[in-house]
Amino acid sequence: MQVLFLGTSHGVPEERQFCSGVLLRSGDHTYLIDAGAPVSALLRRYHIEHESVRGVFVTHMHDDHFTGLVEFSALLTWYFKKADPEILLPEQKGIDLLDYWLDTMYGADRRPLRMRVYEPGVIFDDGCLRVTARPTQHMPHANAFVCEMEGKRLLFTGDMSGSYAEYPSLLNGEQFNLVVCEGAHHSPYSECAEIFAPTRTDRLLVTHYTPAHGEAVKAFAKRMPFPCALAYDGMTVEL
C-alpha cells in the first residue's frame, strides 16, 4: 500500500505546503483522509483518476481539513460523473453546506453524491480499507482514524488538544506500522516527548506543522525509540 501526503501545513498554506490531506492507495483503490489541500488539482498532478477514489474521510470540520472537498464535490457533479466515492463527515452541517453549495450552482441538474455522517467506531469497510474513528479533544466531533489495509495498521491522529492528553487513548495500546501525528497545537518535540515515546509503531511522521518546526522535530526524533521525521508535501511512503 502507498501513503501520499498531499498537504502537511498547519492551518494556513505555506509556500511549499498545502493544508491537510493524505491519500491512501492499494491497487486501483484510492482513499482521501481530510481535504484541506486542493485535492482535485493534486489528484491530477499525481496522475490519479478521480474515478479511483472510493472514500473520503474528514476528521473534523475546520476549514484546513475540509475546503478542498467543496471543489472536489462540484467536479464530481458535472465533470467526473463516473466517480462515486462515499464521503464521510463528522457533522450533518458539513453535508448541509455541500448540498446548499451544489444546489446553488446546479439546481435540479445536480448529481446526488453519497454523503453520510459517521460516529466513533468502525465507519467504513469495503473489503480493501477498514476505517475506525476515535474521538479527540480538539473540538466537538473531531476524530482520529485507524486505517487497516493490506494487513497494515495506520493511525492518523487528526488534530488533538493542546496537551495531547488523548493521544494514549488513540493508540489504545495497539501496534501500528505507521503513526501520522499532528504537530501544530503543542510541541510534540519538547515537553511532550514522554507522551510519544511509548508509541508502538514502526515509524512516526509529524504533519500539520509550520516550517519553523523543522529543527525542533529533528531534535525530538532523536529521543524516540523508533524512526521519526517530518512529513512533507509530495512525500510517498510504501508499506
C-alpha atoms as a PDB file:
ATOM      1  CA  MET A   1       0.000   0.000   0.000  1.00  0.00           C
ATOM      2  CA  GLN A   2       1.034   3.594  -0.546  1.00  0.00           C
ATOM      3  CA  VAL A   3       0.590   6.735   1.562  1.00  0.00           C
ATOM      4  CA  LEU A   4       0.913  10.049  -0.306  1.00  0.00           C
ATOM      5  CA  PHE A   5       0.955  13.340   1.604  1.00  0.00           C
ATOM      6  CA  LEU A   6      -0.978  15.983  -0.340  1.00  0.00           C
ATOM      7  CA  GLY A   7      -0.762  18.661   2.343  1.00  0.00           C
ATOM      8  CA  THR A   8       1.238  18.896   5.566  1.00  0.00           C
ATOM      9  CA  SER A   9       0.839  22.516   6.675  1.00  0.00           C
ATOM     10  CA  HIS A  10      -0.685  23.890   9.844  1.00  0.00           C
ATOM     11  CA  GLY A  11      -3.960  25.809   9.474  1.00  0.00           C
ATOM     12  CA  VAL A  12      -2.534  28.204   6.846  1.00  0.00           C
ATOM     13  CA  PRO A  13      -0.994  27.235   3.471  1.00  0.00           C
ATOM     14  CA  GLU A  14       2.726  27.914   3.271  1.00  0.00           C
ATOM     15  CA  GLU A  15       4.973  28.452   0.246  1.00  0.00           C
ATOM     16  CA  ARG A  16       5.738  24.728  -0.030  1.00  0.00           C
ATOM     17  CA  GLN A  17       2.856  23.271   1.977  1.00  0.00           C
ATOM     18  CA  PHE A  18      -0.836  22.922   1.365  1.00  0.00           C
ATOM     19  CA  CYS A  19      -3.246  22.329   4.245  1.00  0.00           C
ATOM     20  CA  SER A  20      -4.107  18.841   5.444  1.00  0.00           C
ATOM     21  CA  GLY A  21      -4.686  15.965   3.061  1.00  0.00           C
ATOM     22  CA  VAL A  22      -3.431  12.384   2.800  1.00  0.00           C
ATOM     23  CA  LEU A  23      -4.084   9.828   0.089  1.00  0.00           C
ATOM     24  CA  LEU A  24      -4.060   6.052   0.588  1.00  0.00           C
ATOM     25  CA  ARG A  25      -3.683   3.681  -2.384  1.00  0.00           C
ATOM     26  CA  SER A  26      -3.977  -0.054  -2.842  1.00  0.00           C
ATOM     27  CA  GLY A  27      -4.016  -1.192  -6.448  1.00  0.00           C
ATOM     28  CA  ASP A  28      -6.723   0.793  -8.219  1.00  0.00           C
ATOM     29  CA  HIS A  29      -8.409   1.770  -4.926  1.00  0.00           C
ATOM     30  CA  THR A  30      -7.766   5.300  -3.643  1.00  0.00           C
ATOM     31  CA  TYR A  31      -8.960   6.964  -0.431  1.00  0.00           C
ATOM     32  CA  LEU A  32      -8.635  10.501   0.950  1.00  0.00           C
ATOM     33  CA  ILE A  33      -8.154  11.467   4.584  1.00  0.00           C
ATOM     34  CA  ASP A  34      -9.000  15.140   5.038  1.00  0.00           C
ATOM     35  CA  ALA A  35      -9.375  17.632   2.219  1.00  0.00           C
ATOM     36  CA  GLY A  36      -7.832  20.908   3.285  1.00  0.00           C
ATOM     37  CA  ALA A  37      -5.477  20.657   0.324  1.00  0.00           C
ATOM     38  CA  PRO A  38      -6.809  21.311  -3.224  1.00  0.00           C
ATOM     39  CA  VAL A  39      -7.357  17.601  -3.651  1.00  0.00           C
ATOM     40  CA  SER A  40      -8.817  17.635  -7.172  1.00  0.00           C
ATOM     41  CA  ALA A  41      -5.882  19.600  -8.572  1.00  0.00           C
ATOM     42  CA  LEU A  42      -3.427  17.353  -6.736  1.00  0.00           C
ATOM     43  CA  LEU A  43      -5.082  14.176  -7.981  1.00  0.00           C
ATOM     44  CA  ARG A  44      -4.485  15.498 -11.490  1.00  0.00           C
ATOM     45  CA  ARG A  45      -0.902  16.461 -10.649  1.00  0.00           C
ATOM     46  CA  TYR A  46      -0.120  12.962  -9.427  1.00  0.00           C
ATOM     47  CA  HIS A  47      -1.973  11.293 -12.336  1.00  0.00           C
ATOM     48  CA  ILE A  48      -4.606   9.714 -10.098  1.00  0.00           C
ATOM     49  CA  GLU A  49      -8.065   9.220 -11.552  1.00  0.00           C
ATOM     50  CA  HIS A  50     -10.982  10.686  -9.636  1.00  0.00           C
ATOM     51  CA  GLU A  51     -12.867   7.506 -10.507  1.00  0.00           C
ATOM     52  CA  SER A  52     -10.426   5.508  -8.353  1.00  0.00           C
ATOM     53  CA  VAL A  53     -11.438   7.368  -5.161  1.00  0.00           C
ATOM     54  CA  ARG A  54     -13.625   5.014  -3.113  1.00  0.00           C
ATOM     55  CA  GLY A  55     -13.888   7.023   0.102  1.00  0.00           C
ATOM     56  CA  VAL A  56     -13.267  10.479   1.598  1.00  0.00           C
ATOM     57  CA  PHE A  57     -12.951  10.787   5.389  1.00  0.00           C
ATOM     58  CA  VAL A  58     -12.865  14.156   7.157  1.00  0.00           C
ATOM     59  CA  THR A  59     -11.505  14.218  10.717  1.00  0.00           C
ATOM     60  CA  HIS A  60     -13.283  17.452  11.723  1.00  0.00           C
ATOM     61  CA  MET A  61     -14.982  20.478  10.240  1.00  0.00           C
ATOM     62  CA  HIS A  62     -12.225  23.097  10.379  1.00  0.00           C
ATOM     63  CA  ASP A  63     -11.550  24.732   7.018  1.00  0.00           C
ATOM     64  CA  ASP A  64      -7.976  23.477   6.671  1.00  0.00           C
ATOM     65  CA  HIS A  65      -9.320  19.907   6.684  1.00  0.00           C
ATOM     66  CA  PHE A  66     -12.444  20.473   4.615  1.00  0.00           C
ATOM     67  CA  THR A  67     -12.403  23.227   1.977  1.00  0.00           C
ATOM     68  CA  GLY A  68     -10.798  21.142  -0.797  1.00  0.00           C
ATOM     69  CA  LEU A  69     -13.859  18.921  -0.588  1.00  0.00           C
ATOM     70  CA  VAL A  70     -16.040  21.743  -1.970  1.00  0.00           C
ATOM     71  CA  GLU A  71     -14.281  21.780  -5.354  1.00  0.00           C
ATOM     72  CA  PHE A  72     -13.924  18.001  -5.341  1.00  0.00           C
ATOM     73  CA  SER A  73     -17.682  17.565  -4.828  1.00  0.00           C
ATOM     74  CA  ALA A  74     -18.516  20.123  -7.507  1.00  0.00           C
ATOM     75  CA  LEU A  75     -16.309  18.414 -10.084  1.00  0.00           C
ATOM     76  CA  LEU A  76     -17.932  15.071  -9.299  1.00  0.00           C
ATOM     77  CA  THR A  77     -21.288  16.678 -10.033  1.00  0.00           C
ATOM     78  CA  TRP A  78     -20.601  17.874 -13.572  1.00  0.00           C
ATOM     79  CA  TYR A  79     -17.244  16.525 -14.819  1.00  0.00           C
ATOM     80  CA  PHE A  80     -16.060  13.314 -13.155  1.00  0.00           C
ATOM     81  CA  LYS A  81     -19.501  11.761 -13.372  1.00  0.00           C
ATOM     82  CA  LYS A  82     -18.307   8.166 -13.090  1.00  0.00           C
ATOM     83  CA  ALA A  83     -16.586   8.806  -9.768  1.00  0.00           C
ATOM     84  CA  ASP A  84     -18.766   7.591  -6.892  1.00  0.00           C
ATOM     85  CA  PRO A  85     -16.938   7.754  -3.544  1.00  0.00           C
ATOM     86  CA  GLU A  86     -18.561   7.643  -0.144  1.00  0.00           C
ATOM     87  CA  ILE A  87     -17.978  10.968   1.576  1.00  0.00           C
ATOM     88  CA  LEU A  88     -17.994  10.667   5.374  1.00  0.00           C
ATOM     89  CA  LEU A  89     -18.265  13.766   7.547  1.00  0.00           C
ATOM     90  CA  PRO A  90     -18.462  14.102  11.343  1.00  0.00           C
ATOM     91  CA  GLU A  91     -21.382  16.558  11.312  1.00  0.00           C
ATOM     92  CA  GLN A  92     -24.606  16.957   9.359  1.00  0.00           C
ATOM     93  CA  LYS A  93     -23.755  20.657   8.974  1.00  0.00           C
ATOM     94  CA  GLY A  94     -20.972  19.678   6.575  1.00  0.00           C
ATOM     95  CA  ILE A  95     -23.378  17.745   4.367  1.00  0.00           C
ATOM     96  CA  ASP A  96     -25.890  20.590   4.524  1.00  0.00           C
ATOM     97  CA  LEU A  97     -23.194  23.051   3.449  1.00  0.00           C
ATOM     98  CA  LEU A  98     -22.168  20.938   0.463  1.00  0.00           C
ATOM     99  CA  ASP A  99     -25.788  20.350  -0.509  1.00  0.00           C
ATOM    100  CA  TYR A 100     -26.516  24.096  -0.399  1.00  0.00           C
ATOM    101  CA  TRP A 101     -23.448  24.910  -2.483  1.00  0.00           C
ATOM    102  CA  LEU A 102     -24.205  22.261  -5.113  1.00  0.00           C
ATOM    103  CA  ASP A 103     -27.869  23.287  -5.273  1.00  0.00           C
ATOM    104  CA  THR A 104     -26.812  26.910  -5.747  1.00  0.00           C
ATOM    105  CA  MET A 105     -24.595  26.016  -8.692  1.00  0.00           C
ATOM    106  CA  TYR A 106     -26.553  23.255 -10.389  1.00  0.00           C
ATOM    107  CA  GLY A 107     -30.087  23.236  -9.004  1.00  0.00           C
ATOM    108  CA  ALA A 108     -32.230  20.373 -10.287  1.00  0.00           C
ATOM    109  CA  ASP A 109     -29.422  19.294 -12.630  1.00  0.00           C
ATOM    110  CA  ARG A 110     -27.078  18.412  -9.798  1.00  0.00           C
ATOM    111  CA  ARG A 111     -25.963  14.857  -9.363  1.00  0.00           C
ATOM    112  CA  PRO A 112     -26.598  13.360  -5.904  1.00  0.00           C
ATOM    113  CA  LEU A 113     -23.466  12.312  -4.057  1.00  0.00           C
ATOM    114  CA  ARG A 114     -23.124   9.610  -1.425  1.00  0.00           C
ATOM    115  CA  MET A 115     -22.559  11.602   1.751  1.00  0.00           C
ATOM    116  CA  ARG A 116     -23.223  10.484   5.315  1.00  0.00           C
ATOM    117  CA  VAL A 117     -22.415  11.363   8.915  1.00  0.00           C
ATOM    118  CA  TYR A 118     -20.251   8.997  10.946  1.00  0.00           C
ATOM    119  CA  GLU A 119     -19.970   8.334  14.675  1.00  0.00           C
ATOM    120  CA  PRO A 120     -16.967   6.943  16.609  1.00  0.00           C
ATOM    121  CA  GLY A 121     -16.381   3.276  15.856  1.00  0.00           C
ATOM    122  CA  VAL A 122     -15.971   1.434  12.576  1.00  0.00           C
ATOM    123  CA  ILE A 123     -17.177   3.874   9.921  1.00  0.00           C
ATOM    124  CA  PHE A 124     -16.098   2.220   6.667  1.00  0.00           C
ATOM    125  CA  ASP A 125     -15.145  -1.235   5.410  1.00  0.00           C
ATOM    126  CA  ASP A 126     -15.208  -2.050   1.701  1.00  0.00           C
ATOM    127  CA  GLY A 127     -13.029  -5.153   1.921  1.00  0.00           C
ATOM    128  CA  CYS A 128      -9.922  -3.163   0.975  1.00  0.00           C
ATOM    129  CA  LEU A 129      -9.845  -0.477   3.666  1.00  0.00           C
ATOM    130  CA  ARG A 130     -11.333  -0.523   7.144  1.00  0.00           C
ATOM    131  CA  VAL A 131     -11.557   2.808   9.000  1.00  0.00           C
ATOM    132  CA  THR A 132     -12.278   3.254  12.709  1.00  0.00           C
ATOM    133  CA  ALA A 133     -12.935   6.717  14.157  1.00  0.00           C
ATOM    134  CA  ARG A 134     -11.646   7.533  17.635  1.00  0.00           C
ATOM    135  CA  PRO A 135     -12.646  10.894  19.176  1.00  0.00           C
ATOM    136  CA  THR A 136     -10.086  13.568  20.013  1.00  0.00           C
ATOM    137  CA  GLN A 137     -10.466  16.619  22.250  1.00  0.00           C
ATOM    138  CA  HIS A 138      -9.592  19.180  19.570  1.00  0.00           C
ATOM    139  CA  MET A 139     -13.211  20.313  19.161  1.00  0.00           C
ATOM    140  CA  PRO A 140     -16.660  18.694  19.256  1.00  0.00           C
ATOM    141  CA  HIS A 141     -16.960  15.942  16.652  1.00  0.00           C
ATOM    142  CA  ALA A 142     -13.196  15.749  15.994  1.00  0.00           C
ATOM    143  CA  ASN A 143     -11.713  12.327  15.354  1.00  0.00           C
ATOM    144  CA  ALA A 144      -8.594  10.320  14.682  1.00  0.00           C
ATOM    145  CA  PHE A 145      -8.686   7.436  12.199  1.00  0.00           C
ATOM    146  CA  VAL A 146      -7.263   3.946  12.473  1.00  0.00           C
ATOM    147  CA  CYS A 147      -6.868   2.602   8.945  1.00  0.00           C
ATOM    148  CA  GLU A 148      -6.304  -1.081   8.141  1.00  0.00           C
ATOM    149  CA  MET A 149      -5.252  -2.078   4.632  1.00  0.00           C
ATOM    150  CA  GLU A 150      -3.238  -4.969   3.186  1.00  0.00           C
ATOM    151  CA  GLY A 151      -2.525  -6.238   6.696  1.00  0.00           C
ATOM    152  CA  LYS A 152      -1.044  -2.873   7.737  1.00  0.00           C
ATOM    153  CA  ARG A 153      -2.344  -0.635  10.528  1.00  0.00           C
ATOM    154  CA  LEU A 154      -2.042   3.159  10.437  1.00  0.00           C
ATOM    155  CA  LEU A 155      -3.111   5.854  12.879  1.00  0.00           C
ATOM    156  CA  PHE A 156      -3.889   9.376  11.695  1.00  0.00           C
ATOM    157  CA  THR A 157      -4.350  11.472  14.820  1.00  0.00           C
ATOM    158  CA  GLY A 158      -6.157  14.365  13.156  1.00  0.00           C
ATOM    159  CA  ASP A 159      -5.952  17.468  15.333  1.00  0.00           C
ATOM    160  CA  MET A 160      -5.719  16.981  19.087  1.00  0.00           C
ATOM    161  CA  SER A 161      -5.986  19.121  22.203  1.00  0.00           C
ATOM    162  CA  GLY A 162      -3.153  21.406  23.283  1.00  0.00           C
ATOM    163  CA  SER A 163      -1.868  18.909  25.848  1.00  0.00           C
ATOM    164  CA  TYR A 164      -2.216  15.825  23.603  1.00  0.00           C
ATOM    165  CA  ALA A 165      -3.792  14.163  26.660  1.00  0.00           C
ATOM    166  CA  GLU A 166      -5.972  11.967  24.436  1.00  0.00           C
ATOM    167  CA  TYR A 167      -3.052  10.535  22.460  1.00  0.00           C
ATOM    168  CA  PRO A 168      -2.638   7.349  24.578  1.00  0.00           C
ATOM    169  CA  SER A 169      -6.345   6.565  24.142  1.00  0.00           C
ATOM    170  CA  LEU A 170      -5.989   6.903  20.370  1.00  0.00           C
ATOM    171  CA  LEU A 171      -3.212   4.317  20.449  1.00  0.00           C
ATOM    172  CA  ASN A 172      -5.195   2.023  22.745  1.00  0.00           C
ATOM    173  CA  GLY A 173      -2.030   0.017  23.421  1.00  0.00           C
ATOM    174  CA  GLU A 174      -2.028  -1.295  19.849  1.00  0.00           C
ATOM    175  CA  GLN A 175       0.810  -1.864  17.383  1.00  0.00           C
ATOM    176  CA  PHE A 176       0.963   0.265  14.224  1.00  0.00           C
ATOM    177  CA  ASN A 177       3.035   0.209  11.082  1.00  0.00           C
ATOM    178  CA  LEU A 178       2.756   3.994  10.780  1.00  0.00           C
ATOM    179  CA  VAL A 179       1.521   6.807  13.009  1.00  0.00           C
ATOM    180  CA  VAL A 180       0.879  10.211  11.438  1.00  0.00           C
ATOM    181  CA  CYS A 181       0.679  12.811  14.204  1.00  0.00           C
ATOM    182  CA  GLU A 182      -0.246  16.482  14.017  1.00  0.00           C
ATOM    183  CA  GLY A 183       2.306  18.957  15.340  1.00  0.00           C
ATOM    184  CA  ALA A 184       0.523  22.310  15.312  1.00  0.00           C
ATOM    185  CA  HIS A 185      -1.230  22.618  18.660  1.00  0.00           C
ATOM    186  CA  HIS A 186       1.521  21.776  21.118  1.00  0.00           C
ATOM    187  CA  SER A 187       5.165  20.946  20.580  1.00  0.00           C
ATOM    188  CA  PRO A 188       5.447  17.136  20.446  1.00  0.00           C
ATOM    189  CA  TYR A 189       9.221  17.629  20.208  1.00  0.00           C
ATOM    190  CA  SER A 190       9.811  19.120  23.627  1.00  0.00           C
ATOM    191  CA  GLU A 191       7.978  18.527  26.897  1.00  0.00           C
ATOM    192  CA  CYS A 192       5.551  16.126  25.205  1.00  0.00           C
ATOM    193  CA  ALA A 193       8.242  13.666  24.163  1.00  0.00           C
ATOM    194  CA  GLU A 194       7.338  11.341  27.051  1.00  0.00           C
ATOM    195  CA  ILE A 195       3.799  11.062  25.698  1.00  0.00           C
ATOM    196  CA  PHE A 196       5.005   9.814  22.325  1.00  0.00           C
ATOM    197  CA  ALA A 197       7.913   7.568  23.349  1.00  0.00           C
ATOM    198  CA  PRO A 198       5.672   4.607  24.407  1.00  0.00           C
ATOM    199  CA  THR A 199       4.069   4.505  20.941  1.00  0.00           C
ATOM    200  CA  ARG A 200       4.238   1.025  19.454  1.00  0.00           C
ATOM    201  CA  THR A 201       4.941   1.829  15.826  1.00  0.00           C
ATOM    202  CA  ASP A 202       7.443   1.081  13.094  1.00  0.00           C
ATOM    203  CA  ARG A 203       7.544   4.761  12.206  1.00  0.00           C
ATOM    204  CA  LEU A 204       6.075   8.128  13.244  1.00  0.00           C
ATOM    205  CA  LEU A 205       5.675  11.077  10.884  1.00  0.00           C
ATOM    206  CA  VAL A 206       4.823  14.579  12.083  1.00  0.00           C
ATOM    207  CA  THR A 207       2.445  16.547   9.860  1.00  0.00           C
ATOM    208  CA  HIS A 208       0.332  19.721  10.277  1.00  0.00           C
ATOM    209  CA  TYR A 209       3.321  21.873  11.264  1.00  0.00           C
ATOM    210  CA  THR A 210       4.923  25.233  10.482  1.00  0.00           C
ATOM    211  CA  PRO A 211       8.238  25.389   8.564  1.00  0.00           C
ATOM    212  CA  ALA A 212       9.901  26.821  11.679  1.00  0.00           C
ATOM    213  CA  HIS A 213       9.394  23.487  13.472  1.00  0.00           C
ATOM    214  CA  GLY A 214      11.896  21.601  11.326  1.00  0.00           C
ATOM    215  CA  GLU A 215      14.944  21.676  13.569  1.00  0.00           C
ATOM    216  CA  ALA A 216      12.876  21.075  16.708  1.00  0.00           C
ATOM    217  CA  VAL A 217      11.339  17.934  15.182  1.00  0.00           C
ATOM    218  CA  LYS A 218      14.794  16.621  14.309  1.00  0.00           C
ATOM    219  CA  ALA A 219      15.815  17.009  17.960  1.00  0.00           C
ATOM    220  CA  PHE A 220      12.576  15.376  19.108  1.00  0.00           C
ATOM    221  CA  ALA A 221      13.077  12.493  16.657  1.00  0.00           C
ATOM    222  CA  LYS A 222      16.418  11.591  18.216  1.00  0.00           C
ATOM    223  CA  ARG A 223      14.643  10.961  21.528  1.00  0.00           C
ATOM    224  CA  MET A 224      12.177   8.469  20.060  1.00  0.00           C
ATOM    225  CA  PRO A 225      12.807   4.692  20.169  1.00  0.00           C
ATOM    226  CA  PHE A 226      11.522   4.362  16.587  1.00  0.00           C
ATOM    227  CA  PRO A 227      12.158   6.210  13.292  1.00  0.00           C
ATOM    228  CA  CYS A 228      10.558   9.664  13.380  1.00  0.00           C
ATOM    229  CA  ALA A 229      10.620  12.529  10.879  1.00  0.00           C
ATOM    230  CA  LEU A 230       8.684  15.385   9.307  1.00  0.00           C
ATOM    231  CA  ALA A 231       6.253  14.554   6.549  1.00  0.00           C
ATOM    232  CA  TYR A 232       6.265  16.919   3.563  1.00  0.00           C
ATOM    233  CA  ASP A 233       4.015  17.653   0.600  1.00  0.00           C
ATOM    234  CA  GLY A 234       4.511  15.031  -2.097  1.00  0.00           C
ATOM    235  CA  MET A 235       6.116  12.533   0.296  1.00  0.00           C
ATOM    236  CA  THR A 236       5.274   8.925  -0.572  1.00  0.00           C
ATOM    237  CA  VAL A 237       5.554   6.081   1.931  1.00  0.00           C
ATOM    238  CA  GLU A 238       5.357   2.448   0.819  1.00  0.00           C
ATOM    239  CA  LEU A 239       4.143  -0.051   3.430  1.00  0.00           C
END
